[in-house]
Amino acid sequence: ALEGLLRKAVRHRVPTLAVCLGAQLLAGAHGGLVERGTSGP
């Protein structure tokens, strides 16, 4: 549901700021890829 809300925000040009996990969800909601980092924490 949150990813759907992020897609609506971008589609309707609602100013959006996504932090860390939020940024990953924003990317994933729009076709990006989030994975376990290979460089470690």
PDB file of all heavy atoms in Angstrom:
ATOM      1  N   ALA A   1       0.833  -1.208   0.000  1.00  0.00           N
ATOM      2  CA  ALA A   1       0.000   0.000   0.000  1.00  0.00           C
ATOM      3  C   ALA A   1       0.867   1.259   0.000  1.00  0.00           C
ATOM      4  O   ALA A   1       0.553   2.252  -0.675  1.00  0.00           O
ATOM      5  CB  ALA A   1      -0.932   0.003   1.211  1.00  0.00           C
ATOM      6  N   LEU A   2       1.968   1.226   0.720  1.00  0.00           N
ATOM      7  CA  LEU A   2       2.865   2.377   0.761  1.00  0.00           C
ATOM      8  C   LEU A   2       3.520   2.607  -0.595  1.00  0.00           C
ATOM      9  O   LEU A   2       3.662   3.757  -1.035  1.00  0.00           O
ATOM     10  CB  LEU A   2       3.928   2.166   1.852  1.00  0.00           C
ATOM     11  CG  LEU A   2       4.966   3.270   2.024  1.00  0.00           C
ATOM     12  CD1 LEU A   2       4.318   4.643   2.165  1.00  0.00           C
ATOM     13  CD2 LEU A   2       5.865   2.965   3.213  1.00  0.00           C
ATOM     14  N   GLU A   3       3.916   1.550  -1.266  1.00  0.00           N
ATOM     15  CA  GLU A   3       4.487   1.706  -2.603  1.00  0.00           C
ATOM     16  C   GLU A   3       3.446   2.286  -3.560  1.00  0.00           C
ATOM     17  O   GLU A   3       3.781   3.114  -4.419  1.00  0.00           O
ATOM     18  CB  GLU A   3       5.003   0.363  -3.113  1.00  0.00           C
ATOM     19  CG  GLU A   3       6.264  -0.103  -2.395  1.00  0.00           C
ATOM     20  CD  GLU A   3       6.822  -1.385  -2.974  1.00  0.00           C
ATOM     21  OE1 GLU A   3       6.036  -2.165  -3.545  1.00  0.00           O
ATOM     22  OE2 GLU A   3       8.044  -1.595  -2.860  1.00  0.00           O
ATOM     23  N   GLY A   4       2.193   1.870  -3.417  1.00  0.00           N
ATOM     24  CA  GLY A   4       1.136   2.464  -4.228  1.00  0.00           C
ATOM     25  C   GLY A   4       0.983   3.946  -3.954  1.00  0.00           C
ATOM     26  O   GLY A   4       0.785   4.748  -4.872  1.00  0.00           O
ATOM     27  N   LEU A   5       1.099   4.334  -2.691  1.00  0.00           N
ATOM     28  CA  LEU A   5       1.009   5.746  -2.329  1.00  0.00           C
ATOM     29  C   LEU A   5       2.191   6.530  -2.910  1.00  0.00           C
ATOM     30  O   LEU A   5       2.030   7.674  -3.374  1.00  0.00           O
ATOM     31  CB  LEU A   5       0.982   5.868  -0.805  1.00  0.00           C
ATOM     32  CG  LEU A   5       0.288   7.088  -0.189  1.00  0.00           C
ATOM     33  CD1 LEU A   5      -1.167   7.170  -0.622  1.00  0.00           C
ATOM     34  CD2 LEU A   5       0.406   7.039   1.323  1.00  0.00           C
ATOM     35  N   LEU A   6       3.365   5.925  -2.914  1.00  0.00           N
ATOM     36  CA  LEU A   6       4.538   6.576  -3.499  1.00  0.00           C
ATOM     37  C   LEU A   6       4.373   6.754  -5.007  1.00  0.00           C
ATOM     38  O   LEU A   6       4.779   7.780  -5.564  1.00  0.00           O
ATOM     39  CB  LEU A   6       5.796   5.765  -3.194  1.00  0.00           C
ATOM     40  CG  LEU A   6       6.311   5.860  -1.752  1.00  0.00           C
ATOM     41  CD1 LEU A   6       7.291   4.738  -1.442  1.00  0.00           C
ATOM     42  CD2 LEU A   6       6.967   7.223  -1.515  1.00  0.00           C
ATOM     43  N   ARG A   7       3.779   5.778  -5.667  1.00  0.00           N
ATOM     44  CA  ARG A   7       3.534   5.927  -7.106  1.00  0.00           C
ATOM     45  C   ARG A   7       2.542   7.056  -7.376  1.00  0.00           C
ATOM     46  O   ARG A   7       2.717   7.847  -8.309  1.00  0.00           O
ATOM     47  CB  ARG A   7       3.028   4.604  -7.684  1.00  0.00           C
ATOM     48  CG  ARG A   7       4.112   3.554  -7.873  1.00  0.00           C
ATOM     49  CD  ARG A   7       3.630   2.360  -8.654  1.00  0.00           C
ATOM     50  NE  ARG A   7       2.721   1.531  -7.876  1.00  0.00           N
ATOM     51  CZ  ARG A   7       3.114   0.505  -7.120  1.00  0.00           C
ATOM     52  NH1 ARG A   7       4.393   0.191  -7.026  1.00  0.00           N
ATOM     53  NH2 ARG A   7       2.220  -0.212  -6.464  1.00  0.00           N
ATOM     54  N   LYS A   8       1.514   7.156  -6.549  1.00  0.00           N
ATOM     55  CA  LYS A   8       0.544   8.239  -6.716  1.00  0.00           C
ATOM     56  C   LYS A   8       1.187   9.589  -6.454  1.00  0.00           C
ATOM     57  O   LYS A   8       0.883  10.578  -7.135  1.00  0.00           O
ATOM     58  CB  LYS A   8      -0.648   8.021  -5.783  1.00  0.00           C
ATOM     59  CG  LYS A   8      -1.530   6.850  -6.175  1.00  0.00           C
ATOM     60  CD  LYS A   8      -2.658   6.626  -5.182  1.00  0.00           C
ATOM     61  CE  LYS A   8      -3.515   5.420  -5.591  1.00  0.00           C
ATOM     62  NZ  LYS A   8      -4.587   5.145  -4.616  1.00  0.00           N
ATOM     63  N   ALA A   9       2.078   9.650  -5.476  1.00  0.00           N
ATOM     64  CA  ALA A   9       2.752  10.912  -5.175  1.00  0.00           C
ATOM     65  C   ALA A   9       3.562  11.397  -6.370  1.00  0.00           C
ATOM     66  O   ALA A   9       3.509  12.576  -6.735  1.00  0.00           O
ATOM     67  CB  ALA A   9       3.646  10.742  -3.949  1.00  0.00           C
ATOM     68  N   VAL A  10       4.312  10.499  -6.986  1.00  0.00           N
ATOM     69  CA  VAL A  10       5.122  10.891  -8.142  1.00  0.00           C
ATOM     70  C   VAL A  10       4.229  11.246  -9.322  1.00  0.00           C
ATOM     71  O   VAL A  10       4.452  12.255 -10.010  1.00  0.00           O
ATOM     72  CB  VAL A  10       6.106   9.765  -8.515  1.00  0.00           C
ATOM     73  CG1 VAL A  10       6.828  10.086  -9.820  1.00  0.00           C
ATOM     74  CG2 VAL A  10       7.122   9.553  -7.392  1.00  0.00           C
ATOM     75  N   ARG A  11       3.190  10.446  -9.545  1.00  0.00           N
ATOM     76  CA  ARG A  11       2.287  10.685 -10.685  1.00  0.00           C
ATOM     77  C   ARG A  11       1.589  12.040 -10.569  1.00  0.00           C
ATOM     78  O   ARG A  11       1.443  12.763 -11.549  1.00  0.00           O
ATOM     79  CB  ARG A  11       1.255   9.563 -10.767  1.00  0.00           C
ATOM     80  CG  ARG A  11       0.321   9.668 -11.980  1.00  0.00           C
ATOM     81  CD  ARG A  11      -0.729   8.570 -11.945  1.00  0.00           C
ATOM     82  NE  ARG A  11      -0.136   7.271 -11.681  1.00  0.00           N
ATOM     83  CZ  ARG A  11      -0.549   6.441 -10.735  1.00  0.00           C
ATOM     84  NH1 ARG A  11      -1.572   6.771  -9.951  1.00  0.00           N
ATOM     85  NH2 ARG A  11       0.042   5.283 -10.569  1.00  0.00           N
ATOM     86  N   HIS A  12       1.195  12.404  -9.354  1.00  0.00           N
ATOM     87  CA  HIS A  12       0.448  13.637  -9.150  1.00  0.00           C
ATOM     88  C   HIS A  12       1.327  14.792  -8.668  1.00  0.00           C
ATOM     89  O   HIS A  12       0.805  15.829  -8.260  1.00  0.00           O
ATOM     90  CB  HIS A  12      -0.691  13.392  -8.160  1.00  0.00           C
ATOM     91  CG  HIS A  12      -1.715  12.410  -8.655  1.00  0.00           C
ATOM     92  ND1 HIS A  12      -2.552  12.668  -9.717  1.00  0.00           N
ATOM     93  CD2 HIS A  12      -2.001  11.145  -8.246  1.00  0.00           C
ATOM     94  CE1 HIS A  12      -3.335  11.618  -9.933  1.00  0.00           C
ATOM     95  NE2 HIS A  12      -3.013  10.679  -9.061  1.00  0.00           N
ATOM     96  N   ARG A  13       2.632  14.596  -8.701  1.00  0.00           N
ATOM     97  CA  ARG A  13       3.604  15.649  -8.406  1.00  0.00           C
ATOM     98  C   ARG A  13       3.436  16.200  -6.990  1.00  0.00           C
ATOM     99  O   ARG A  13       3.569  17.394  -6.758  1.00  0.00           O
ATOM    100  CB  ARG A  13       3.533  16.775  -9.439  1.00  0.00           C
ATOM    101  CG  ARG A  13       3.760  16.308 -10.859  1.00  0.00           C
ATOM    102  CD  ARG A  13       3.715  17.440 -11.874  1.00  0.00           C
ATOM    103  NE  ARG A  13       4.819  18.365 -11.706  1.00  0.00           N
ATOM    104  CZ  ARG A  13       4.649  19.654 -11.484  1.00  0.00           C
ATOM    105  NH1 ARG A  13       3.443  20.171 -11.370  1.00  0.00           N
ATOM    106  NH2 ARG A  13       5.703  20.444 -11.349  1.00  0.00           N
ATOM    107  N   VAL A  14       3.176  15.300  -6.044  1.00  0.00           N
ATOM    108  CA  VAL A  14       3.144  15.691  -4.640  1.00  0.00           C
ATOM    109  C   VAL A  14       4.576  15.670  -4.118  1.00  0.00           C
ATOM    110  O   VAL A  14       5.248  14.633  -4.214  1.00  0.00           O
ATOM    111  CB  VAL A  14       2.271  14.719  -3.818  1.00  0.00           C
ATOM    112  CG1 VAL A  14       2.306  15.089  -2.336  1.00  0.00           C
ATOM    113  CG2 VAL A  14       0.845  14.718  -4.336  1.00  0.00           C
ATOM    114  N   PRO A  15       5.102  16.765  -3.607  1.00  0.00           N
ATOM    115  CA  PRO A  15       6.477  16.764  -3.101  1.00  0.00           C
ATOM    116  C   PRO A  15       6.705  15.627  -2.107  1.00  0.00           C
ATOM    117  O   PRO A  15       5.943  15.474  -1.140  1.00  0.00           O
ATOM    118  CB  PRO A  15       6.606  18.135  -2.438  1.00  0.00           C
ATOM    119  CG  PRO A  15       5.664  19.004  -3.215  1.00  0.00           C
ATOM    120  CD  PRO A  15       4.502  18.110  -3.528  1.00  0.00           C
ATOM    121  N   THR A  16       7.742  14.841  -2.364  1.00  0.00           N
ATOM    122  CA  THR A  16       7.982  13.616  -1.603  1.00  0.00           C
ATOM    123  C   THR A  16       9.441  13.549  -1.188  1.00  0.00           C
ATOM    124  O   THR A  16      10.338  13.821  -1.980  1.00  0.00           O
ATOM    125  CB  THR A  16       7.631  12.377  -2.452  1.00  0.00           C
ATOM    126  OG1 THR A  16       6.239  12.430  -2.791  1.00  0.00           O
ATOM    127  CG2 THR A  16       7.927  11.089  -1.695  1.00  0.00           C
ATOM    128  N   LEU A  17       9.661  13.193   0.070  1.00  0.00           N
ATOM    129  CA  LEU A  17      11.014  12.994   0.581  1.00  0.00           C
ATOM    130  C   LEU A  17      11.051  11.640   1.272  1.00  0.00           C
ATOM    131  O   LEU A  17      10.304  11.392   2.220  1.00  0.00           O
ATOM    132  CB  LEU A  17      11.385  14.102   1.570  1.00  0.00           C
ATOM    133  CG  LEU A  17      12.797  14.038   2.155  1.00  0.00           C
ATOM    134  CD1 LEU A  17      13.856  14.104   1.059  1.00  0.00           C
ATOM    135  CD2 LEU A  17      13.006  15.164   3.170  1.00  0.00           C
ATOM    136  N   ALA A  18      11.914  10.738   0.791  1.00  0.00           N
ATOM    137  CA  ALA A  18      11.987   9.370   1.294  1.00  0.00           C
ATOM    138  C   ALA A  18      13.398   9.105   1.809  1.00  0.00           C
ATOM    139  O   ALA A  18      14.379   9.342   1.093  1.00  0.00           O
ATOM    140  CB  ALA A  18      11.623   8.378   0.190  1.00  0.00           C
ATOM    141  N   VAL A  19      13.493   8.606   3.048  1.00  0.00           N
ATOM    142  CA  VAL A  19      14.772   8.467   3.739  1.00  0.00           C
ATOM    143  C   VAL A  19      15.103   6.997   3.964  1.00  0.00           C
ATOM    144  O   VAL A  19      14.293   6.246   4.519  1.00  0.00           O
ATOM    145  CB  VAL A  19      14.728   9.212   5.090  1.00  0.00           C
ATOM    146  CG1 VAL A  19      16.033   9.020   5.853  1.00  0.00           C
ATOM    147  CG2 VAL A  19      14.443  10.698   4.884  1.00  0.00           C
ATOM    148  N   CYS A  20      16.287   6.579   3.544  1.00  0.00           N
ATOM    149  CA  CYS A  20      16.853   5.248   3.744  1.00  0.00           C
ATOM    150  C   CYS A  20      15.886   4.164   3.259  1.00  0.00           C
ATOM    151  O   CYS A  20      15.710   4.000   2.063  1.00  0.00           O
ATOM    152  CB  CYS A  20      17.266   5.043   5.198  1.00  0.00           C
ATOM    153  SG  CYS A  20      18.443   3.676   5.394  1.00  0.00           S
ATOM    154  N   LEU A  21      15.243   3.414   4.155  1.00  0.00           N
ATOM    155  CA  LEU A  21      14.256   2.433   3.719  1.00  0.00           C
ATOM    156  C   LEU A  21      13.205   3.093   2.842  1.00  0.00           C
ATOM    157  O   LEU A  21      12.766   2.510   1.837  1.00  0.00           O
ATOM    158  CB  LEU A  21      13.594   1.781   4.932  1.00  0.00           C
ATOM    159  CG  LEU A  21      12.380   0.894   4.656  1.00  0.00           C
ATOM    160  CD1 LEU A  21      12.775  -0.347   3.877  1.00  0.00           C
ATOM    161  CD2 LEU A  21      11.677   0.526   5.960  1.00  0.00           C
ATOM    162  N   GLY A  22      12.795   4.305   3.192  1.00  0.00           N
ATOM    163  CA  GLY A  22      11.824   5.023   2.369  1.00  0.00           C
ATOM    164  C   GLY A  22      12.319   5.221   0.953  1.00  0.00           C
ATOM    165  O   GLY A  22      11.561   5.083  -0.011  1.00  0.00           O
ATOM    166  N   ALA A  23      13.601   5.548   0.805  1.00  0.00           N
ATOM    167  CA  ALA A  23      14.177   5.731  -0.528  1.00  0.00           C
ATOM    168  C   ALA A  23      14.199   4.416  -1.291  1.00  0.00           C
ATOM    169  O   ALA A  23      13.952   4.379  -2.510  1.00  0.00           O
ATOM    170  CB  ALA A  23      15.590   6.299  -0.414  1.00  0.00           C
ATOM    171  N   GLN A  24      14.486   3.332  -0.589  1.00  0.00           N
ATOM    172  CA  GLN A  24      14.479   2.020  -1.236  1.00  0.00           C
ATOM    173  C   GLN A  24      13.071   1.655  -1.708  1.00  0.00           C
ATOM    174  O   GLN A  24      12.894   1.114  -2.796  1.00  0.00           O
ATOM    175  CB  GLN A  24      15.021   0.979  -0.268  1.00  0.00           C
ATOM    176  CG  GLN A  24      16.486   1.186   0.096  1.00  0.00           C
ATOM    177  CD  GLN A  24      16.939   0.300   1.237  1.00  0.00           C
ATOM    178  OE1 GLN A  24      16.164  -0.471   1.791  1.00  0.00           O
ATOM    179  NE2 GLN A  24      18.209   0.425   1.604  1.00  0.00           N
ATOM    180  N   LEU A  25      12.069   1.961  -0.894  1.00  0.00           N
ATOM    181  CA  LEU A  25      10.689   1.699  -1.295  1.00  0.00           C
ATOM    182  C   LEU A  25      10.290   2.577  -2.477  1.00  0.00           C
ATOM    183  O   LEU A  25       9.577   2.131  -3.383  1.00  0.00           O
ATOM    184  CB  LEU A  25       9.749   1.936  -0.113  1.00  0.00           C
ATOM    185  CG  LEU A  25       9.848   0.915   1.019  1.00  0.00           C
ATOM    186  CD1 LEU A  25       9.104   1.427   2.257  1.00  0.00           C
ATOM    187  CD2 LEU A  25       9.292  -0.432   0.592  1.00  0.00           C
ATOM    188  N   LEU A  26      10.733   3.829  -2.476  1.00  0.00           N
ATOM    189  CA  LEU A  26      10.449   4.722  -3.590  1.00  0.00           C
ATOM    190  C   LEU A  26      11.046   4.178  -4.877  1.00  0.00           C
ATOM    191  O   LEU A  26      10.387   4.165  -5.931  1.00  0.00           O
ATOM    192  CB  LEU A  26      11.020   6.117  -3.287  1.00  0.00           C
ATOM    193  CG  LEU A  26      10.901   7.167  -4.391  1.00  0.00           C
ATOM    194  CD1 LEU A  26       9.445   7.488  -4.705  1.00  0.00           C
ATOM    195  CD2 LEU A  26      11.662   8.443  -3.994  1.00  0.00           C
ATOM    196  N   ALA A  27      12.288   3.702  -4.804  1.00  0.00           N
ATOM    197  CA  ALA A  27      12.935   3.134  -5.985  1.00  0.00           C
ATOM    198  C   ALA A  27      12.218   1.858  -6.436  1.00  0.00           C
ATOM    199  O   ALA A  27      11.909   1.691  -7.624  1.00  0.00           O
ATOM    200  CB  ALA A  27      14.405   2.839  -5.691  1.00  0.00           C
ATOM    201  N   GLY A  28      11.957   0.954  -5.494  1.00  0.00           N
ATOM    202  CA  GLY A  28      11.314  -0.303  -5.843  1.00  0.00           C
ATOM    203  C   GLY A  28       9.923  -0.119  -6.416  1.00  0.00           C
ATOM    204  O   GLY A  28       9.503  -0.864  -7.308  1.00  0.00           O
ATOM    205  N   ALA A  29       9.204   0.897  -5.936  1.00  0.00           N
ATOM    206  CA  ALA A  29       7.842   1.148  -6.426  1.00  0.00           C
ATOM    207  C   ALA A  29       7.832   1.612  -7.871  1.00  0.00           C
ATOM    208  O   ALA A  29       6.793   1.544  -8.529  1.00  0.00           O
ATOM    209  CB  ALA A  29       7.168   2.191  -5.541  1.00  0.00           C
ATOM    210  N   HIS A  30       8.992   2.071  -8.369  1.00  0.00           N
ATOM    211  CA  HIS A  30       9.061   2.603  -9.731  1.00  0.00           C
ATOM    212  C   HIS A  30       9.981   1.789 -10.623  1.00  0.00           C
ATOM    213  O   HIS A  30      10.520   2.296 -11.609  1.00  0.00           O
ATOM    214  CB  HIS A  30       9.498   4.070  -9.687  1.00  0.00           C
ATOM    215  CG  HIS A  30       8.457   4.961  -9.087  1.00  0.00           C
ATOM    216  ND1 HIS A  30       8.355   5.171  -7.733  1.00  0.00           N
ATOM    217  CD2 HIS A  30       7.452   5.674  -9.669  1.00  0.00           C
ATOM    218  CE1 HIS A  30       7.340   5.989  -7.499  1.00  0.00           C
ATOM    219  NE2 HIS A  30       6.780   6.299  -8.641  1.00  0.00           N
ATOM    220  N   GLY A  31      10.171   0.514 -10.280  1.00  0.00           N
ATOM    221  CA  GLY A  31      10.926  -0.371 -11.155  1.00  0.00           C
ATOM    222  C   GLY A  31      12.388  -0.498 -10.836  1.00  0.00           C
ATOM    223  O   GLY A  31      13.121  -1.180 -11.565  1.00  0.00           O
ATOM    224  N   GLY A  32      12.862   0.151  -9.770  1.00  0.00           N
ATOM    225  CA  GLY A  32      14.241  -0.021  -9.355  1.00  0.00           C
ATOM    226  C   GLY A  32      14.427  -1.356  -8.639  1.00  0.00           C
ATOM    227  O   GLY A  32      13.474  -2.093  -8.395  1.00  0.00           O
ATOM    228  N   LEU A  33      15.659  -1.658  -8.289  1.00  0.00           N
ATOM    229  CA  LEU A  33      15.980  -2.932  -7.654  1.00  0.00           C
ATOM    230  C   LEU A  33      16.708  -2.682  -6.345  1.00  0.00           C
ATOM    231  O   LEU A  33      17.693  -1.937  -6.299  1.00  0.00           O
ATOM    232  CB  LEU A  33      16.852  -3.785  -8.573  1.00  0.00           C
ATOM    233  CG  LEU A  33      17.200  -5.195  -8.088  1.00  0.00           C
ATOM    234  CD1 LEU A  33      15.943  -6.031  -7.898  1.00  0.00           C
ATOM    235  CD2 LEU A  33      18.156  -5.872  -9.066  1.00  0.00           C
ATOM    236  N   VAL A  34      16.210  -3.309  -5.275  1.00  0.00           N
ATOM    237  CA  VAL A  34      16.822  -3.218  -3.951  1.00  0.00           C
ATOM    238  C   VAL A  34      17.244  -4.625  -3.537  1.00  0.00           C
ATOM    239  O   VAL A  34      16.463  -5.572  -3.640  1.00  0.00           O
ATOM    240  CB  VAL A  34      15.850  -2.619  -2.922  1.00  0.00           C
ATOM    241  CG1 VAL A  34      16.528  -2.500  -1.557  1.00  0.00           C
ATOM    242  CG2 VAL A  34      15.344  -1.256  -3.390  1.00  0.00           C
ATOM    243  N   GLU A  35      18.496  -4.752  -3.074  1.00  0.00           N
ATOM    244  CA  GLU A  35      19.030  -6.052  -2.688  1.00  0.00           C
ATOM    245  C   GLU A  35      19.927  -5.896  -1.472  1.00  0.00           C
ATOM    246  O   GLU A  35      20.274  -4.778  -1.068  1.00  0.00           O
ATOM    247  CB  GLU A  35      19.844  -6.656  -3.839  1.00  0.00           C
ATOM    248  CG  GLU A  35      19.070  -6.870  -5.131  1.00  0.00           C
ATOM    249  CD  GLU A  35      19.960  -7.342  -6.251  1.00  0.00           C
ATOM    250  OE1 GLU A  35      20.784  -6.535  -6.744  1.00  0.00           O
ATOM    251  OE2 GLU A  35      19.841  -8.521  -6.626  1.00  0.00           O
ATOM    252  N   ARG A  36      20.323  -7.018  -0.901  1.00  0.00           N
ATOM    253  CA  ARG A  36      21.323  -6.981   0.161  1.00  0.00           C
ATOM    254  C   ARG A  36      22.635  -6.457  -0.423  1.00  0.00           C
ATOM    255  O   ARG A  36      23.108  -6.931  -1.449  1.00  0.00           O
ATOM    256  CB  ARG A  36      21.516  -8.384   0.748  1.00  0.00           C
ATOM    257  CG  ARG A  36      22.534  -8.493   1.879  1.00  0.00           C
ATOM    258  CD  ARG A  36      22.251  -7.572   3.045  1.00  0.00           C
ATOM    259  NE  ARG A  36      20.936  -7.679   3.602  1.00  0.00           N
ATOM    260  CZ  ARG A  36      20.620  -8.456   4.638  1.00  0.00           C
ATOM    261  NH1 ARG A  36      21.543  -9.197   5.210  1.00  0.00           N
ATOM    262  NH2 ARG A  36      19.383  -8.468   5.107  1.00  0.00           N
ATOM    263  N   GLY A  37      23.204  -5.455   0.217  1.00  0.00           N
ATOM    264  CA  GLY A  37      24.402  -4.832  -0.306  1.00  0.00           C
ATOM    265  C   GLY A  37      25.594  -5.771  -0.287  1.00  0.00           C
ATOM    266  O   GLY A  37      25.836  -6.465   0.709  1.00  0.00           O
ATOM    267  N   THR A  38      26.346  -5.790  -1.375  1.00  0.00           N
ATOM    268  CA  THR A  38      27.512  -6.675  -1.458  1.00  0.00           C
ATOM    269  C   THR A  38      28.730  -6.094  -0.759  1.00  0.00           C
ATOM    270  O   THR A  38      29.706  -6.807  -0.527  1.00  0.00           O
ATOM    271  CB  THR A  38      27.856  -6.953  -2.934  1.00  0.00           C
ATOM    272  OG1 THR A  38      28.099  -5.712  -3.601  1.00  0.00           O
ATOM    273  CG2 THR A  38      26.715  -7.686  -3.615  1.00  0.00           C
ATOM    274  N   SER A  39      28.698  -4.809  -0.419  1.00  0.00           N
ATOM    275  CA  SER A  39      29.844  -4.173   0.231  1.00  0.00           C
ATOM    276  C   SER A  39      29.747  -4.188   1.745  1.00  0.00           C
ATOM    277  O   SER A  39      30.587  -3.602   2.420  1.00  0.00           O
ATOM    278  CB  SER A  39      29.969  -2.714  -0.249  1.00  0.00           C
ATOM    279  OG  SER A  39      30.229  -2.660  -1.630  1.00  0.00           O
ATOM    280  N   GLY A  40      28.733  -4.865   2.273  1.00  0.00           N
ATOM    281  CA  GLY A  40      28.577  -4.945   3.716  1.00  0.00           C
ATOM    282  C   GLY A  40      27.851  -3.739   4.286  1.00  0.00           C
ATOM    283  O   GLY A  40      27.577  -2.764   3.589  1.00  0.00           O
ATOM    284  N   PRO A  41      27.531  -3.789   5.575  1.00  0.00           N
ATOM    285  CA  PRO A  41      26.803  -2.685   6.197  1.00  0.00           C
ATOM    286  C   PRO A  41      27.595  -1.384   6.139  1.00  0.00           C
ATOM    287  O   PRO A  41      28.837  -1.380   6.197  1.00  0.00           O
ATOM    288  CB  PRO A  41      26.623  -3.149   7.649  1.00  0.00           C
ATOM    289  CG  PRO A  41      26.808  -4.635   7.599  1.00  0.00           C
ATOM    290  CD  PRO A  41      27.800  -4.882   6.502  1.00  0.00           C
TER     291      PRO A  41
END
